[in-house]
Structure formats: C-alpha cells, structure tokens
C-alpha atoms as a PDB file:
ATOM      1  CA  MET A   1       7.254  16.026  48.169  1.00  0.00           C
ATOM      2  CA  GLY A   2       9.148  18.497  46.078  1.00  0.00           C
ATOM      3  CA  ASP A   3       8.437  22.435  45.561  1.00  0.00           C
ATOM      4  CA  ARG A   4       5.627  23.596  43.519  1.00  0.00           C
ATOM      5  CA  TRP A   5       5.851  26.650  41.093  1.00  0.00           C
ATOM      6  CA  HIS A   6       3.498  29.043  39.793  1.00  0.00           C
ATOM      7  CA  VAL A   7       4.506  29.979  36.306  1.00  0.00           C
ATOM      8  CA  GLU A   8       3.318  33.130  34.396  1.00  0.00           C
ATOM      9  CA  VAL A   9       4.150  34.674  30.958  1.00  0.00           C
ATOM     10  CA  ASP A  10       3.912  38.354  30.743  1.00  0.00           C
ATOM     11  CA  ARG A  11       1.953  38.753  27.304  1.00  0.00           C
ATOM     12  CA  ALA A  12       3.228  42.292  27.090  1.00  0.00           C
ATOM     13  CA  LEU A  13       6.699  41.348  26.930  1.00  0.00           C
ATOM     14  CA  CYS A  14       6.321  38.093  24.897  1.00  0.00           C
ATOM     15  CA  ILE A  15       7.521  38.091  21.550  1.00  0.00           C
ATOM     16  CA  GLY A  16       6.414  34.419  20.498  1.00  0.00           C
ATOM     17  CA  SER A  17       9.906  33.461  19.841  1.00  0.00           C
ATOM     18  CA  ALA A  18       8.871  29.921  21.038  1.00  0.00           C
ATOM     19  CA  GLN A  19      12.143  29.237  23.030  1.00  0.00           C
ATOM     20  CA  CYS A  20       9.934  28.016  25.956  1.00  0.00           C
ATOM     21  CA  VAL A  21       8.016  25.739  23.784  1.00  0.00           C
ATOM     22  CA  HIS A  22      11.446  24.221  22.357  1.00  0.00           C
ATOM     23  CA  LEU A  23      12.907  23.931  25.585  1.00  0.00           C
ATOM     24  CA  ALA A  24      10.032  22.672  27.677  1.00  0.00           C
ATOM     25  CA  PRO A  25       7.181  21.393  25.099  1.00  0.00           C
ATOM     26  CA  ASP A  26       5.122  19.831  27.790  1.00  0.00           C
ATOM     27  CA  ALA A  27       5.367  23.068  29.962  1.00  0.00           C
ATOM     28  CA  PHE A  28       4.446  25.864  27.251  1.00  0.00           C
ATOM     29  CA  ARG A  29       2.454  26.420  24.406  1.00  0.00           C
ATOM     30  CA  LEU A  30       1.786  29.022  21.788  1.00  0.00           C
ATOM     31  CA  ASP A  31      -1.800  30.407  21.072  1.00  0.00           C
ATOM     32  CA  SER A  32      -3.071  31.681  17.806  1.00  0.00           C
ATOM     33  CA  ALA A  33      -1.490  35.075  18.553  1.00  0.00           C
ATOM     34  CA  MET A  34       1.804  33.401  18.811  1.00  0.00           C
ATOM     35  CA  GLN A  35       1.812  34.181  22.692  1.00  0.00           C
ATOM     36  CA  SER A  36       3.135  31.647  25.237  1.00  0.00           C
ATOM     37  CA  HIS A  37       1.143  30.227  27.817  1.00  0.00           C
ATOM     38  CA  PRO A  38       2.125  27.767  30.754  1.00  0.00           C
ATOM     39  CA  THR A  39       0.263  24.453  29.956  1.00  0.00           C
ATOM     40  CA  GLU A  40      -0.169  24.259  33.754  1.00  0.00           C
ATOM     41  CA  PRO A  41       0.443  27.585  35.687  1.00  0.00           C
ATOM     42  CA  ASP A  42       0.664  25.671  39.119  1.00  0.00           C
ATOM     43  CA  THR A  43       3.109  22.900  38.348  1.00  0.00           C
ATOM     44  CA  ASP A  44       5.933  20.719  40.059  1.00  0.00           C
ATOM     45  CA  ALA A  45       9.370  22.278  40.013  1.00  0.00           C
ATOM     46  CA  HIS A  46      11.389  20.972  37.053  1.00  0.00           C
ATOM     47  CA  GLU A  47      14.703  22.118  35.671  1.00  0.00           C
ATOM     48  CA  ARG A  48      13.341  22.288  31.942  1.00  0.00           C
ATOM     49  CA  VAL A  49      10.844  24.904  33.166  1.00  0.00           C
ATOM     50  CA  LEU A  50      13.766  26.939  34.784  1.00  0.00           C
ATOM     51  CA  LYS A  51      15.678  26.370  31.594  1.00  0.00           C
ATOM     52  CA  ALA A  52      12.800  27.839  29.547  1.00  0.00           C
ATOM     53  CA  ALA A  53      12.409  30.868  31.775  1.00  0.00           C
ATOM     54  CA  GLU A  54      16.158  31.501  31.476  1.00  0.00           C
ATOM     55  CA  GLY A  55      16.335  31.066  27.809  1.00  0.00           C
ATOM     56  CA  CYS A  56      13.350  33.497  27.057  1.00  0.00           C
ATOM     57  CA  PRO A  57      15.090  36.365  25.153  1.00  0.00           C
ATOM     58  CA  VAL A  58      12.845  38.895  26.685  1.00  0.00           C
ATOM     59  CA  GLU A  59      12.596  37.355  30.228  1.00  0.00           C
ATOM     60  CA  ALA A  60       8.851  37.250  29.991  1.00  0.00           C
ATOM     61  CA  ILE A  61       8.483  34.146  32.154  1.00  0.00           C
ATOM     62  CA  SER A  62       8.310  34.366  35.823  1.00  0.00           C
ATOM     63  CA  ILE A  63       8.450  31.555  38.383  1.00  0.00           C
ATOM     64  CA  ALA A  64       7.465  31.709  41.880  1.00  0.00           C
ATOM     65  CA  LEU A  65       7.226  29.141  44.775  1.00  0.00           C
ATOM     66  CA  LEU A  66       3.496  28.212  45.024  1.00  0.00           C
ATOM     67  CA  GLY A  67       2.032  29.182  48.228  1.00  0.00           C
ATOM     68  CA  SER A  68       4.945  31.725  49.595  1.00  0.00           C
ATOM     69  CA  GLY A  69       5.255  33.678  46.336  1.00  0.00           C
ATOM     70  CA  GLU A  70       8.924  33.626  46.580  1.00  0.00           C
ATOM     71  CA  PRO A  71      10.560  34.405  43.318  1.00  0.00           C
ATOM     72  CA  VAL A  72      12.379  31.621  41.740  1.00  0.00           C
ATOM     73  CA  PHE A  73      13.212  33.369  38.268  1.00  0.00           C
ATOM     74  CA  PRO A  74      14.015  36.014  37.663  1.00  0.00           C
ATOM     75  CA  PRO A  75      15.860  36.034  41.194  1.00  0.00           C
ATOM     76  CA  GLU A  76      15.424  39.129  43.277  1.00  0.00           C
ATOM     77  CA  GLU A  77      18.398  41.583  43.005  1.00  0.00           C
END
C-alpha cells in the first residue's frame, strides 16, 4: 500500500487562479468565492496532486504524510 497524504489549501493565501484545478481536476475544486478546496483532504499520494501544489502561484497548498504529519510540500528548509 502506498503513502497517503493530507492536503490543505490556505484560504488566506489562495487567489483563485485555478492552476490546481487545471493540473489535478479530480483533486481540487473552486467554491463560489473562487477559493480552492481539495475534493478529498485525505487522499492517496499522487504525482498530479504534488504538481498542483508546486504549480500554485502563491504556494497556498500544503501536503503532509497522513499520520506522521511529515511535510511533503512545501519541503522543510
């Protein structure tokens, strides 16, 4: 069984660019206020979700390993 992730979008940072929806349409959606939300906050690890986080122009998306909370994105510096 592969890793599972917890995905969050910081609504204070999200500008509604929809890059995440474009890159991972099954993993993110925009609400009526044009704010992004993960369709399933706890999800299987997948490259398209990571690409969406990396592609967010304001780095509003964070990903952590489910259970341990170890950061996947953005990486710890």
